[in-house]
Protein backbone atom coordinates (compact mmCIF):
# COMPACT_ATOMS: atom_id res chain seq x y z
CA MET A 1 0.02 -0.07 0.11
CA PHE A 2 2.87 2.41 0.73
CA PHE A 3 4.22 1.68 -2.74
CA ARG A 4 0.84 2.72 -4.29
CA GLN A 5 0.72 6.04 -2.39
CA ARG A 6 4.27 6.80 -3.46
CA LYS A 7 3.60 6.21 -7.23
CA LEU A 8 0.41 8.20 -7.20
CA PHE A 9 2.55 11.37 -5.60
CA TRP A 10 5.04 11.19 -8.35
CA GLN A 11 2.17 11.09 -11.05
CA ILE A 12 0.78 14.05 -9.58
CA PHE A 13 4.06 15.85 -9.11
CA THR A 14 5.22 15.36 -12.54
CA VAL A 15 2.04 16.61 -14.27
CA ASN A 16 1.95 19.66 -12.05
CA MET A 17 5.65 20.39 -12.77
CA LEU A 18 4.83 20.29 -16.52
CA ILE A 19 1.98 22.62 -15.91
CA VAL A 20 4.15 25.10 -13.66
CA LEU A 21 7.01 25.07 -16.37
CA GLY A 22 4.88 25.53 -19.15
CA SER A 23 3.17 28.41 -17.46
CA ILE A 24 6.38 30.00 -16.56
CA ILE A 25 7.56 29.58 -20.28
CA ALA A 26 4.25 31.26 -21.65
CA VAL A 27 4.32 34.03 -19.15
CA GLY A 28 7.99 34.81 -19.86
CA TRP A 29 7.69 34.82 -23.55
CA TYR A 30 4.65 36.93 -23.38
CA SER A 31 6.21 39.49 -20.86
CA SER A 32 9.50 39.57 -23.24
CA ARG A 33 7.34 40.51 -26.35
CA SER A 34 5.35 43.16 -24.58
CA VAL A 35 8.43 44.73 -22.95
CA ASP A 36 10.15 44.76 -26.55
CA THR A 37 6.94 46.26 -28.28
CA PHE A 38 6.69 48.90 -25.43
CA TYR A 39 10.57 49.79 -25.98
CA VAL A 40 10.25 50.27 -29.75
CA GLU A 41 7.10 52.37 -29.40
CA GLU A 42 8.79 54.48 -26.74
CA SER A 43 12.05 54.69 -28.64
CA ALA A 44 10.32 55.74 -31.91
CA ALA A 45 8.20 58.24 -30.14
CA ASP A 46 11.42 59.70 -28.60
CA MET A 47 13.11 60.02 -31.88
CA ILE A 48 10.34 61.87 -33.41
CA ASN A 49 10.46 64.32 -30.57
CA ARG A 50 14.23 64.80 -31.11
CA ALA A 51 13.61 65.33 -34.74
CA ASN A 52 11.04 67.96 -33.82
CA LEU A 53 13.56 69.82 -31.92
CA ILE A 54 15.93 70.10 -34.68
CA LYS A 55 13.48 70.58 -37.53
CA SER A 56 13.50 74.24 -37.57
CA THR A 57 17.51 74.50 -37.57
CA VAL A 58 17.58 72.05 -40.34
CA ALA A 59 14.89 73.78 -42.29
CA GLY A 60 16.63 77.00 -41.83
CA MET A 61 19.84 75.79 -42.91
CA LEU A 62 18.22 74.15 -46.34
CA ALA A 63 16.74 77.63 -46.94
CA GLU A 64 19.83 79.78 -46.34
CA ASP A 65 22.75 77.91 -48.05
CA GLY A 66 21.61 74.40 -49.11
CA THR A 67 23.76 71.73 -47.53
CA GLY A 68 26.86 73.67 -46.73
CA ARG A 69 26.53 74.02 -43.01
CA LEU A 70 23.94 71.25 -42.80
CA LYS A 71 26.37 68.25 -43.20
CA LYS A 72 28.69 69.81 -40.36
CA PHE A 73 25.42 70.36 -38.18
CA THR A 74 24.14 66.76 -38.80
CA ILE A 75 27.62 65.26 -37.72
CA ASP A 76 28.01 67.31 -34.76
CA SER A 77 24.42 66.78 -33.66
CA GLY A 78 24.51 63.16 -34.38
CA ARG A 79 27.61 62.51 -32.41
CA ALA A 80 26.36 64.50 -29.46
CA SER A 81 23.25 62.88 -29.20
CA GLY A 82 24.14 59.23 -30.19
CA THR A 83 21.67 59.26 -33.01
CA ARG A 84 22.19 58.95 -36.69
CA ILE A 85 20.56 61.91 -38.43
CA THR A 86 19.92 62.05 -42.22
CA VAL A 87 18.46 64.58 -44.34
CA ILE A 88 16.52 63.42 -47.76
CA ASP A 89 15.26 65.44 -50.48
CA GLN A 90 11.93 64.56 -52.47
CA ASN A 91 13.61 62.64 -55.04
CA GLY A 92 15.28 60.18 -52.30
CA LYS A 93 18.69 61.77 -52.54
CA VAL A 94 20.53 62.19 -49.13
CA LEU A 95 21.62 65.76 -48.61
CA ALA A 96 23.48 65.26 -45.43
CA ASP A 97 24.08 62.36 -43.04
CA SER A 98 25.96 62.11 -39.63
CA ASN A 99 27.59 58.90 -40.22
CA GLU A 100 28.21 58.44 -44.04
CA ASP A 101 29.18 60.38 -47.15
CA PRO A 102 25.93 61.35 -48.74
CA ALA A 103 27.46 60.99 -52.28
CA ARG A 104 28.06 57.17 -51.76
CA MET A 105 24.50 56.53 -50.39
CA ASP A 106 21.71 54.69 -52.07
CA ASN A 107 18.55 56.57 -53.06
CA HIS A 108 16.01 56.49 -49.96
CA ARG A 109 12.84 57.65 -51.41
CA ALA A 110 11.27 53.82 -51.24
CA ARG A 111 12.27 53.33 -47.45
CA PRO A 112 8.93 52.79 -45.58
CA GLU A 113 9.47 55.68 -42.99
CA ILE A 114 10.68 58.08 -45.69
CA ASP A 115 7.54 57.21 -47.96
CA THR A 116 5.16 57.80 -44.72
CA ALA A 117 7.11 60.98 -43.98
CA PHE A 118 6.56 62.41 -47.62
CA SER A 119 2.96 61.75 -47.22
CA GLY A 120 2.74 64.34 -44.42
CA THR A 121 2.86 62.11 -41.24
CA PRO A 122 5.82 60.89 -39.06
CA GLY A 123 6.98 57.40 -39.89
CA SER A 124 8.88 54.67 -38.18
CA SER A 125 10.38 51.29 -39.04
CA ILE A 126 12.92 48.56 -38.01
CA ARG A 127 15.05 46.94 -40.48
CA PHE A 128 18.78 45.99 -41.38
CA SER A 129 20.95 48.85 -42.37
CA ASN A 130 23.09 47.92 -45.32
CA THR A 131 25.29 51.00 -44.50
CA LEU A 132 26.04 50.27 -40.77
CA GLY A 133 25.46 46.52 -40.91
CA GLU A 134 23.14 46.10 -38.11
CA ARG A 135 19.35 46.52 -37.25
CA MET A 136 18.10 49.95 -36.84
CA LEU A 137 15.14 51.67 -35.70
CA TYR A 138 14.31 54.53 -38.13
CA SER A 139 11.96 57.54 -37.43
CA ALA A 140 11.43 60.30 -39.79
CA ILE A 141 9.32 63.51 -39.98
CA PRO A 142 8.36 65.64 -42.91
CA LEU A 143 9.97 69.25 -43.41
CA THR A 144 7.23 71.26 -45.01
CA GLU A 145 7.35 74.82 -46.92
CA GLN A 146 4.57 77.43 -46.59
CA ASN A 147 2.37 75.84 -49.09
CA GLY A 148 2.13 72.61 -47.18
CA SER A 149 4.19 70.47 -49.64
CA VAL A 150 6.84 68.07 -48.31
CA THR A 151 10.15 69.10 -49.69
CA THR A 152 12.57 67.24 -47.54
CA VAL A 153 12.51 64.68 -44.75
CA LEU A 154 14.52 64.60 -41.52
CA ARG A 155 15.32 61.10 -40.28
CA LEU A 156 16.85 59.79 -37.04
CA SER A 157 17.95 56.18 -36.35
CA VAL A 158 19.59 54.21 -33.69
CA PRO A 159 20.42 50.52 -33.22
CA VAL A 160 17.91 48.27 -32.05
CA THR A 161 20.39 46.69 -29.69
CA ARG A 162 20.33 49.83 -27.77
């Protein structure tokens, strides 16, 4: 009779342990995904806010002398903030970038966040950067003229690993 009680204990114990372990794994996975989603959304909103802070400066530099001082401004501001800053015209040509030479960069017009910004609203996306060789979070805002047409886009990006 003692043998049967012990066998019943191990049957119940094993089933309960599997249920507990399964629950822990499910809650851990769900929590991880929720925190990741929250982090990405907050980071994208933060970058749009950063872009709005320098928007008028970039627009002023473009209106004054084109890309002369703009290139230096993006490099200095990008290094100071730990953020990659890129300015793109309506044809997709990179006018200034804080990390790379704009003359060597691809056309950016078809990028999702840039396409959204040219439609008049801020846009964000996560994808692999061929230039930097890592996954990046991109956020872009439109720079508009007085008539409301979008002429250039200001894009900021940070590595997703951050």
